Amino acid sequence: SANLNTTPFEFALNGVLQGFAGGVIWVPLTVLTFSTVDPKDLDETTSVYHLLRNIGSSFFISMTVTEIVRSSQRNYEYLTEHITEFNPVLKLPWVMGGWEMETVEGLARLSREMGHQAALISYLNGFGMFAVASAAAIPLILLVNNVAKKKP
């Protein structure tokens, strides 16, 4: 389930999975990329390959950060539209808990929670962008694999 309460174990698990996935993905991809390169051109090819990989990563990271910041603000605005004294759900004590619309402290707690929820939705949108980009790259990987098979 998606929530903002992350434990140290979840951070460690994330690091282990990223390390494993990096080894499983990048090593074969790099070997496959350079399998058709003439050994005398390997130095230049390696530098251009890593330059383009770094530029592409930087570009996508900046797009993701931009989307997270913009989406966070949009989501906060969307959530505030539903917080009014005319919303009958917000009059139920088990829904509101410590969030009181009558006091400044209660409004501050409510605003902080809406900010947390808006950030959570924004990060989910950012990870969704990564998922779409990864899915879009699958046909390209299959094309690269076919090029390597045609090598004489």
N, C-alpha and C. Protein backbone atom coordinates (compact mmCIF):
# COMPACT_ATOMS: atom_id res chain seq x y z
N SER A 1 0.85 -1.18 0.00
CA SER A 1 0.00 0.00 0.00
C SER A 1 0.89 1.24 0.00
N ALA A 2 0.40 2.27 -0.60
CA ALA A 2 1.17 3.51 -0.70
C ALA A 2 0.89 4.39 0.51
N ASN A 3 1.93 4.71 1.26
CA ASN A 3 1.80 5.69 2.33
C ASN A 3 3.15 6.37 2.54
N LEU A 4 3.15 7.38 3.36
CA LEU A 4 4.36 8.17 3.56
C LEU A 4 5.21 7.69 4.73
N ASN A 5 4.78 6.67 5.43
CA ASN A 5 5.50 6.15 6.59
C ASN A 5 6.42 5.02 6.14
N THR A 6 7.66 5.36 5.80
CA THR A 6 8.61 4.39 5.28
C THR A 6 9.56 3.98 6.39
N THR A 7 9.77 2.68 6.52
CA THR A 7 10.66 2.15 7.55
C THR A 7 12.08 2.03 7.00
N PRO A 8 13.08 1.94 7.88
CA PRO A 8 14.46 1.73 7.41
C PRO A 8 14.60 0.43 6.60
N PHE A 9 13.84 -0.59 6.96
CA PHE A 9 13.88 -1.84 6.20
C PHE A 9 13.46 -1.62 4.75
N GLU A 10 12.43 -0.81 4.54
CA GLU A 10 11.96 -0.55 3.17
C GLU A 10 13.01 0.21 2.37
N PHE A 11 13.74 1.13 3.01
CA PHE A 11 14.83 1.82 2.31
C PHE A 11 15.94 0.83 1.96
N ALA A 12 16.29 -0.05 2.90
CA ALA A 12 17.33 -1.04 2.64
C ALA A 12 16.91 -2.00 1.54
N LEU A 13 15.68 -2.45 1.57
CA LEU A 13 15.18 -3.35 0.54
C LEU A 13 15.22 -2.68 -0.83
N ASN A 14 14.86 -1.41 -0.87
CA ASN A 14 14.92 -0.66 -2.12
C ASN A 14 16.35 -0.60 -2.65
N GLY A 15 17.31 -0.35 -1.78
CA GLY A 15 18.70 -0.30 -2.20
C GLY A 15 19.20 -1.63 -2.74
N VAL A 16 18.82 -2.72 -2.06
CA VAL A 16 19.22 -4.05 -2.51
C VAL A 16 18.61 -4.36 -3.88
N LEU A 17 17.33 -4.07 -4.04
CA LEU A 17 16.66 -4.34 -5.32
C LEU A 17 17.24 -3.50 -6.45
N GLN A 18 17.55 -2.23 -6.16
CA GLN A 18 18.16 -1.39 -7.20
C GLN A 18 19.55 -1.89 -7.58
N GLY A 19 20.32 -2.32 -6.60
CA GLY A 19 21.64 -2.86 -6.90
C GLY A 19 21.57 -4.12 -7.73
N PHE A 20 20.65 -5.01 -7.38
CA PHE A 20 20.46 -6.25 -8.14
C PHE A 20 19.98 -5.95 -9.55
N ALA A 21 19.00 -5.07 -9.67
CA ALA A 21 18.44 -4.74 -10.99
C ALA A 21 19.48 -4.05 -11.86
N GLY A 22 20.30 -3.21 -11.27
CA GLY A 22 21.35 -2.55 -12.06
C GLY A 22 22.32 -3.56 -12.66
N GLY A 23 22.70 -4.55 -11.88
CA GLY A 23 23.59 -5.59 -12.40
C GLY A 23 22.93 -6.46 -13.44
N VAL A 24 21.67 -6.75 -13.24
CA VAL A 24 20.95 -7.61 -14.18
C VAL A 24 20.64 -6.89 -15.49
N ILE A 25 20.41 -5.59 -15.43
CA ILE A 25 20.01 -4.86 -16.63
C ILE A 25 21.20 -4.23 -17.35
N TRP A 26 22.06 -3.49 -16.63
CA TRP A 26 23.08 -2.69 -17.30
C TRP A 26 24.22 -3.51 -17.87
N VAL A 27 24.63 -4.57 -17.20
CA VAL A 27 25.75 -5.36 -17.72
C VAL A 27 25.38 -6.02 -19.05
N PRO A 28 24.26 -6.76 -19.14
CA PRO A 28 23.92 -7.34 -20.45
C PRO A 28 23.64 -6.29 -21.52
N LEU A 29 23.01 -5.18 -21.13
CA LEU A 29 22.72 -4.13 -22.10
C LEU A 29 24.01 -3.53 -22.66
N THR A 30 24.99 -3.31 -21.80
CA THR A 30 26.26 -2.75 -22.25
C THR A 30 27.02 -3.76 -23.12
N VAL A 31 27.02 -5.02 -22.72
CA VAL A 31 27.68 -6.05 -23.53
C VAL A 31 27.02 -6.16 -24.90
N LEU A 32 25.71 -6.15 -24.92
CA LEU A 32 24.97 -6.23 -26.19
C LEU A 32 25.23 -5.00 -27.05
N THR A 33 25.30 -3.84 -26.43
CA THR A 33 25.54 -2.61 -27.18
C THR A 33 26.90 -2.63 -27.87
N PHE A 34 27.91 -3.11 -27.18
CA PHE A 34 29.25 -3.09 -27.74
C PHE A 34 29.61 -4.36 -28.50
N SER A 35 28.69 -5.28 -28.64
CA SER A 35 29.00 -6.54 -29.32
C SER A 35 29.24 -6.35 -30.81
N THR A 36 28.69 -5.32 -31.41
CA THR A 36 28.87 -5.09 -32.85
C THR A 36 29.89 -4.00 -33.15
N VAL A 37 30.55 -3.49 -32.13
CA VAL A 37 31.51 -2.39 -32.32
C VAL A 37 32.89 -2.97 -32.63
N ASP A 38 33.54 -2.38 -33.60
CA ASP A 38 34.91 -2.77 -33.94
C ASP A 38 35.83 -2.41 -32.76
N PRO A 39 36.71 -3.31 -32.34
CA PRO A 39 37.56 -3.04 -31.17
C PRO A 39 38.39 -1.76 -31.28
N LYS A 40 38.77 -1.34 -32.49
CA LYS A 40 39.56 -0.11 -32.61
C LYS A 40 38.72 1.13 -32.31
N ASP A 41 37.40 1.03 -32.41
CA ASP A 41 36.51 2.16 -32.13
C ASP A 41 35.91 2.11 -30.72
N LEU A 42 36.35 1.18 -29.92
CA LEU A 42 35.73 0.96 -28.61
C LEU A 42 35.87 2.15 -27.67
N ASP A 43 37.02 2.83 -27.67
CA ASP A 43 37.22 3.97 -26.77
C ASP A 43 36.23 5.09 -27.04
N GLU A 44 36.12 5.47 -28.31
CA GLU A 44 35.20 6.56 -28.67
C GLU A 44 33.75 6.14 -28.46
N THR A 45 33.44 4.92 -28.81
CA THR A 45 32.07 4.43 -28.66
C THR A 45 31.65 4.41 -27.20
N THR A 46 32.55 3.98 -26.33
CA THR A 46 32.24 3.94 -24.90
C THR A 46 31.98 5.33 -24.36
N SER A 47 32.80 6.29 -24.74
CA SER A 47 32.60 7.65 -24.21
C SER A 47 31.30 8.26 -24.72
N VAL A 48 30.97 8.06 -25.99
CA VAL A 48 29.72 8.60 -26.53
C VAL A 48 28.52 7.89 -25.90
N TYR A 49 28.63 6.58 -25.72
CA TYR A 49 27.54 5.80 -25.11
C TYR A 49 27.21 6.32 -23.71
N HIS A 50 28.23 6.48 -22.90
CA HIS A 50 28.00 6.93 -21.52
C HIS A 50 27.60 8.40 -21.46
N LEU A 51 28.10 9.22 -22.38
CA LEU A 51 27.67 10.61 -22.44
C LEU A 51 26.18 10.69 -22.75
N LEU A 52 25.74 9.95 -23.76
CA LEU A 52 24.32 9.96 -24.12
C LEU A 52 23.45 9.37 -23.00
N ARG A 53 23.96 8.35 -22.33
CA ARG A 53 23.21 7.76 -21.22
C ARG A 53 23.06 8.76 -20.08
N ASN A 54 24.12 9.50 -19.77
CA ASN A 54 24.04 10.51 -18.70
C ASN A 54 23.14 11.67 -19.09
N ILE A 55 23.21 12.12 -20.34
CA ILE A 55 22.34 13.21 -20.78
C ILE A 55 20.89 12.77 -20.73
N GLY A 56 20.61 11.56 -21.22
CA GLY A 56 19.24 11.04 -21.18
C GLY A 56 18.72 10.90 -19.77
N SER A 57 19.55 10.39 -18.87
CA SER A 57 19.14 10.24 -17.47
C SER A 57 18.87 11.60 -16.84
N SER A 58 19.75 12.55 -17.09
CA SER A 58 19.56 13.89 -16.52
C SER A 58 18.29 14.54 -17.03
N PHE A 59 18.04 14.39 -18.32
CA PHE A 59 16.83 14.96 -18.91
C PHE A 59 15.57 14.35 -18.29
N PHE A 60 15.55 13.02 -18.17
CA PHE A 60 14.36 12.37 -17.62
C PHE A 60 14.19 12.67 -16.14
N ILE A 61 15.27 12.76 -15.40
CA ILE A 61 15.18 13.12 -13.98
C ILE A 61 14.64 14.53 -13.82
N SER A 62 15.10 15.46 -14.65
CA SER A 62 14.58 16.83 -14.54
C SER A 62 13.11 16.89 -14.92
N MET A 63 12.69 16.12 -15.92
CA MET A 63 11.26 16.06 -16.27
C MET A 63 10.44 15.50 -15.11
N THR A 64 10.97 14.48 -14.45
CA THR A 64 10.25 13.85 -13.34
C THR A 64 10.14 14.81 -12.16
N VAL A 65 11.22 15.49 -11.82
CA VAL A 65 11.17 16.44 -10.70
C VAL A 65 10.19 17.57 -11.01
N THR A 66 10.20 18.05 -12.25
CA THR A 66 9.25 19.09 -12.64
C THR A 66 7.82 18.60 -12.50
N GLU A 67 7.55 17.38 -12.93
CA GLU A 67 6.20 16.82 -12.82
C GLU A 67 5.80 16.64 -11.36
N ILE A 68 6.72 16.21 -10.52
CA ILE A 68 6.40 16.01 -9.11
C ILE A 68 6.04 17.34 -8.45
N VAL A 69 6.83 18.38 -8.72
CA VAL A 69 6.56 19.69 -8.10
C VAL A 69 5.24 20.26 -8.60
N ARG A 70 5.03 20.23 -9.91
CA ARG A 70 3.78 20.78 -10.47
C ARG A 70 2.58 19.96 -10.04
N SER A 71 2.72 18.64 -10.05
CA SER A 71 1.60 17.77 -9.69
C SER A 71 1.27 17.90 -8.21
N SER A 72 2.28 18.13 -7.38
CA SER A 72 2.03 18.30 -5.95
C SER A 72 1.14 19.52 -5.71
N GLN A 73 1.44 20.61 -6.38
CA GLN A 73 0.63 21.82 -6.23
C GLN A 73 -0.78 21.60 -6.76
N ARG A 74 -0.90 20.97 -7.93
CA ARG A 74 -2.23 20.69 -8.50
C ARG A 74 -3.05 19.80 -7.58
N ASN A 75 -2.41 18.76 -7.05
CA ASN A 75 -3.13 17.83 -6.17
C ASN A 75 -3.55 18.51 -4.88
N TYR A 76 -2.70 19.39 -4.35
CA TYR A 76 -3.07 20.12 -3.14
C TYR A 76 -4.30 20.99 -3.41
N GLU A 77 -4.29 21.68 -4.55
CA GLU A 77 -5.44 22.52 -4.90
C GLU A 77 -6.70 21.67 -5.07
N TYR A 78 -6.55 20.50 -5.68
CA TYR A 78 -7.69 19.61 -5.87
C TYR A 78 -8.24 19.14 -4.52
N LEU A 79 -7.35 18.78 -3.61
CA LEU A 79 -7.80 18.31 -2.30
C LEU A 79 -8.48 19.42 -1.51
N THR A 80 -8.01 20.65 -1.63
CA THR A 80 -8.63 21.75 -0.88
C THR A 80 -10.04 22.06 -1.36
N GLU A 81 -10.35 21.71 -2.61
CA GLU A 81 -11.71 21.94 -3.11
C GLU A 81 -12.75 21.15 -2.33
N HIS A 82 -12.34 20.04 -1.74
CA HIS A 82 -13.28 19.16 -1.04
C HIS A 82 -13.35 19.45 0.46
N ILE A 83 -12.55 20.38 0.95
CA ILE A 83 -12.56 20.71 2.37
C ILE A 83 -13.36 21.99 2.55
N THR A 84 -14.62 21.83 2.80
CA THR A 84 -15.50 22.97 3.08
C THR A 84 -16.41 22.61 4.23
N GLU A 85 -16.97 23.61 4.84
CA GLU A 85 -17.90 23.35 5.94
C GLU A 85 -19.22 22.77 5.43
N PHE A 86 -19.43 22.78 4.13
CA PHE A 86 -20.66 22.24 3.56
C PHE A 86 -20.55 20.76 3.20
N ASN A 87 -19.37 20.19 3.32
CA ASN A 87 -19.18 18.78 3.02
C ASN A 87 -19.68 17.96 4.22
N PRO A 88 -20.76 17.17 4.05
CA PRO A 88 -21.33 16.45 5.19
C PRO A 88 -20.40 15.38 5.75
N VAL A 89 -19.51 14.85 4.94
CA VAL A 89 -18.59 13.81 5.42
C VAL A 89 -17.66 14.38 6.48
N LEU A 90 -17.27 15.63 6.34
CA LEU A 90 -16.33 16.23 7.27
C LEU A 90 -16.96 16.57 8.61
N LYS A 91 -18.24 16.40 8.74
CA LYS A 91 -18.91 16.63 10.03
C LYS A 91 -18.89 15.37 10.90
N LEU A 92 -18.49 14.24 10.33
CA LEU A 92 -18.43 12.99 11.08
C LEU A 92 -17.15 12.97 11.92
N PRO A 93 -17.28 12.75 13.23
CA PRO A 93 -16.10 12.84 14.10
C PRO A 93 -15.03 11.79 13.79
N TRP A 94 -15.41 10.60 13.35
CA TRP A 94 -14.41 9.57 13.07
C TRP A 94 -13.67 9.84 11.76
N VAL A 95 -14.19 10.72 10.93
CA VAL A 95 -13.49 11.10 9.70
C VAL A 95 -12.46 12.18 10.00
N MET A 96 -12.84 13.16 10.77
CA MET A 96 -11.98 14.31 11.00
C MET A 96 -10.87 14.05 12.01
N GLY A 97 -11.12 13.25 13.03
CA GLY A 97 -10.09 12.99 14.03
C GLY A 97 -9.59 14.27 14.66
N GLY A 98 -8.27 14.55 14.56
CA GLY A 98 -7.68 15.76 15.14
C GLY A 98 -7.71 16.95 14.21
N TRP A 99 -8.33 16.80 13.07
CA TRP A 99 -8.39 17.91 12.12
C TRP A 99 -9.66 18.70 12.38
N GLU A 100 -9.49 19.85 12.95
CA GLU A 100 -10.65 20.70 13.26
C GLU A 100 -10.64 21.89 12.32
N MET A 101 -11.78 22.18 11.78
CA MET A 101 -11.87 23.33 10.88
C MET A 101 -12.18 24.61 11.65
N GLU A 102 -12.43 24.48 12.95
CA GLU A 102 -12.80 25.65 13.74
C GLU A 102 -11.61 26.34 14.38
N THR A 103 -10.46 25.66 14.48
CA THR A 103 -9.29 26.26 15.13
C THR A 103 -8.14 26.39 14.15
N VAL A 104 -7.24 27.31 14.46
CA VAL A 104 -6.07 27.52 13.60
C VAL A 104 -5.17 26.28 13.62
N GLU A 105 -5.00 25.67 14.80
CA GLU A 105 -4.15 24.48 14.91
C GLU A 105 -4.74 23.33 14.11
N GLY A 106 -6.05 23.16 14.18
CA GLY A 106 -6.71 22.09 13.42
C GLY A 106 -6.57 22.30 11.92
N LEU A 107 -6.72 23.54 11.48
CA LEU A 107 -6.54 23.84 10.06
C LEU A 107 -5.10 23.61 9.62
N ALA A 108 -4.15 23.93 10.50
CA ALA A 108 -2.74 23.70 10.16
C ALA A 108 -2.46 22.20 10.02
N ARG A 109 -3.02 21.38 10.95
CA ARG A 109 -2.85 19.93 10.85
C ARG A 109 -3.49 19.40 9.57
N LEU A 110 -4.67 19.91 9.25
CA LEU A 110 -5.37 19.49 8.04
C LEU A 110 -4.58 19.88 6.79
N SER A 111 -4.03 21.08 6.77
CA SER A 111 -3.24 21.54 5.63
C SER A 111 -1.97 20.69 5.48
N ARG A 112 -1.32 20.37 6.59
CA ARG A 112 -0.12 19.54 6.54
C ARG A 112 -0.44 18.15 5.99
N GLU A 113 -1.55 17.58 6.42
CA GLU A 113 -1.94 16.25 5.92
C GLU A 113 -2.30 16.30 4.44
N MET A 114 -2.97 17.36 4.01
CA MET A 114 -3.27 17.49 2.58
C MET A 114 -1.99 17.64 1.77
N GLY A 115 -1.01 18.34 2.31
CA GLY A 115 0.29 18.45 1.64
C GLY A 115 0.98 17.11 1.51
N HIS A 116 0.91 16.30 2.58
CA HIS A 116 1.49 14.95 2.53
C HIS A 116 0.80 14.10 1.48
N GLN A 117 -0.52 14.14 1.46
CA GLN A 117 -1.27 13.33 0.49
C GLN A 117 -1.02 13.82 -0.94
N ALA A 118 -0.93 15.12 -1.13
CA ALA A 118 -0.63 15.66 -2.47
C ALA A 118 0.75 15.22 -2.93
N ALA A 119 1.72 15.20 -2.01
CA ALA A 119 3.07 14.75 -2.36
C ALA A 119 3.07 13.27 -2.70
N LEU A 120 2.32 12.47 -1.95
CA LEU A 120 2.23 11.04 -2.24
C LEU A 120 1.68 10.80 -3.64
N ILE A 121 0.61 11.49 -3.99
CA ILE A 121 0.03 11.34 -5.32
C ILE A 121 1.03 11.77 -6.38
N SER A 122 1.77 12.83 -6.12
CA SER A 122 2.76 13.33 -7.08
C SER A 122 3.88 12.32 -7.31
N TYR A 123 4.37 11.71 -6.23
CA TYR A 123 5.42 10.71 -6.40
C TYR A 123 4.90 9.49 -7.14
N LEU A 124 3.66 9.12 -6.89
CA LEU A 124 3.08 8.01 -7.66
C LEU A 124 3.00 8.37 -9.14
N ASN A 125 2.68 9.62 -9.45
CA ASN A 125 2.68 10.07 -10.85
C ASN A 125 4.09 9.99 -11.45
N GLY A 126 5.09 10.38 -10.67
CA GLY A 126 6.47 10.30 -11.15
C GLY A 126 6.90 8.87 -11.43
N PHE A 127 6.56 7.96 -10.53
CA PHE A 127 6.90 6.56 -10.76
C PHE A 127 6.09 5.99 -11.93
N GLY A 128 4.88 6.52 -12.13
CA GLY A 128 4.10 6.12 -13.30
C GLY A 128 4.80 6.53 -14.59
N MET A 129 5.44 7.71 -14.59
CA MET A 129 6.20 8.14 -15.76
C MET A 129 7.36 7.18 -16.04
N PHE A 130 8.04 6.73 -14.98
CA PHE A 130 9.12 5.77 -15.16
C PHE A 130 8.59 4.45 -15.73
N ALA A 131 7.43 4.01 -15.25
CA ALA A 131 6.85 2.76 -15.74
C ALA A 131 6.48 2.87 -17.21
N VAL A 132 5.89 3.98 -17.62
CA VAL A 132 5.52 4.17 -19.03
C VAL A 132 6.78 4.22 -19.90
N ALA A 133 7.80 4.92 -19.45
CA ALA A 133 9.04 5.00 -20.24
C ALA A 133 9.70 3.62 -20.35
N SER A 134 9.67 2.85 -19.28
CA SER A 134 10.24 1.51 -19.32
C SER A 134 9.46 0.61 -20.27
N ALA A 135 8.15 0.69 -20.22
CA ALA A 135 7.32 -0.12 -21.11
C ALA A 135 7.52 0.29 -22.57
N ALA A 136 7.71 1.58 -22.80
CA ALA A 136 7.93 2.05 -24.17
C ALA A 136 9.29 1.61 -24.71
N ALA A 137 10.24 1.33 -23.84
CA ALA A 137 11.57 0.92 -24.28
C ALA A 137 11.65 -0.56 -24.63
N ILE A 138 10.67 -1.35 -24.25
CA ILE A 138 10.73 -2.80 -24.51
C ILE A 138 10.83 -3.11 -26.00
N PRO A 139 10.02 -2.50 -26.87
CA PRO A 139 10.20 -2.80 -28.30
C PRO A 139 11.58 -2.41 -28.83
N LEU A 140 12.16 -1.35 -28.29
CA LEU A 140 13.50 -0.95 -28.72
C LEU A 140 14.54 -1.99 -28.31
N ILE A 141 14.37 -2.58 -27.14
CA ILE A 141 15.29 -3.62 -26.68
C ILE A 141 15.20 -4.83 -27.59
N LEU A 142 13.98 -5.18 -28.01
CA LEU A 142 13.82 -6.31 -28.92
C LEU A 142 14.49 -6.03 -30.27
N LEU A 143 14.45 -4.79 -30.74
CA LEU A 143 15.13 -4.44 -31.98
C LEU A 143 16.64 -4.55 -31.84
N VAL A 144 17.18 -4.11 -30.72
CA VAL A 144 18.62 -4.21 -30.49
C VAL A 144 19.04 -5.67 -30.47
N ASN A 145 18.24 -6.52 -29.86
CA ASN A 145 18.54 -7.94 -29.80
C ASN A 145 18.58 -8.54 -31.20
N ASN A 146 17.69 -8.14 -32.08
CA ASN A 146 17.68 -8.66 -33.45
C ASN A 146 18.90 -8.20 -34.24
N VAL A 147 19.37 -6.99 -34.01
CA VAL A 147 20.56 -6.50 -34.69
C VAL A 147 21.77 -7.33 -34.29
N ALA A 148 21.87 -7.66 -33.01
CA ALA A 148 23.01 -8.45 -32.54
C ALA A 148 22.97 -9.86 -33.12
N LYS A 149 21.80 -10.43 -33.32
CA LYS A 149 21.69 -11.78 -33.88
C LYS A 149 22.10 -11.81 -35.35
N LYS A 150 21.96 -10.70 -36.08
CA LYS A 150 22.28 -10.65 -37.51
C LYS A 150 23.76 -10.45 -37.77
N LYS A 151 24.56 -10.31 -36.73
CA LYS A 151 26.00 -10.09 -36.89
C LYS A 151 26.62 -11.33 -37.55
N PRO A 152 27.46 -11.14 -38.61
CA PRO A 152 28.05 -12.29 -39.32
C PRO A 152 29.06 -13.04 -38.48
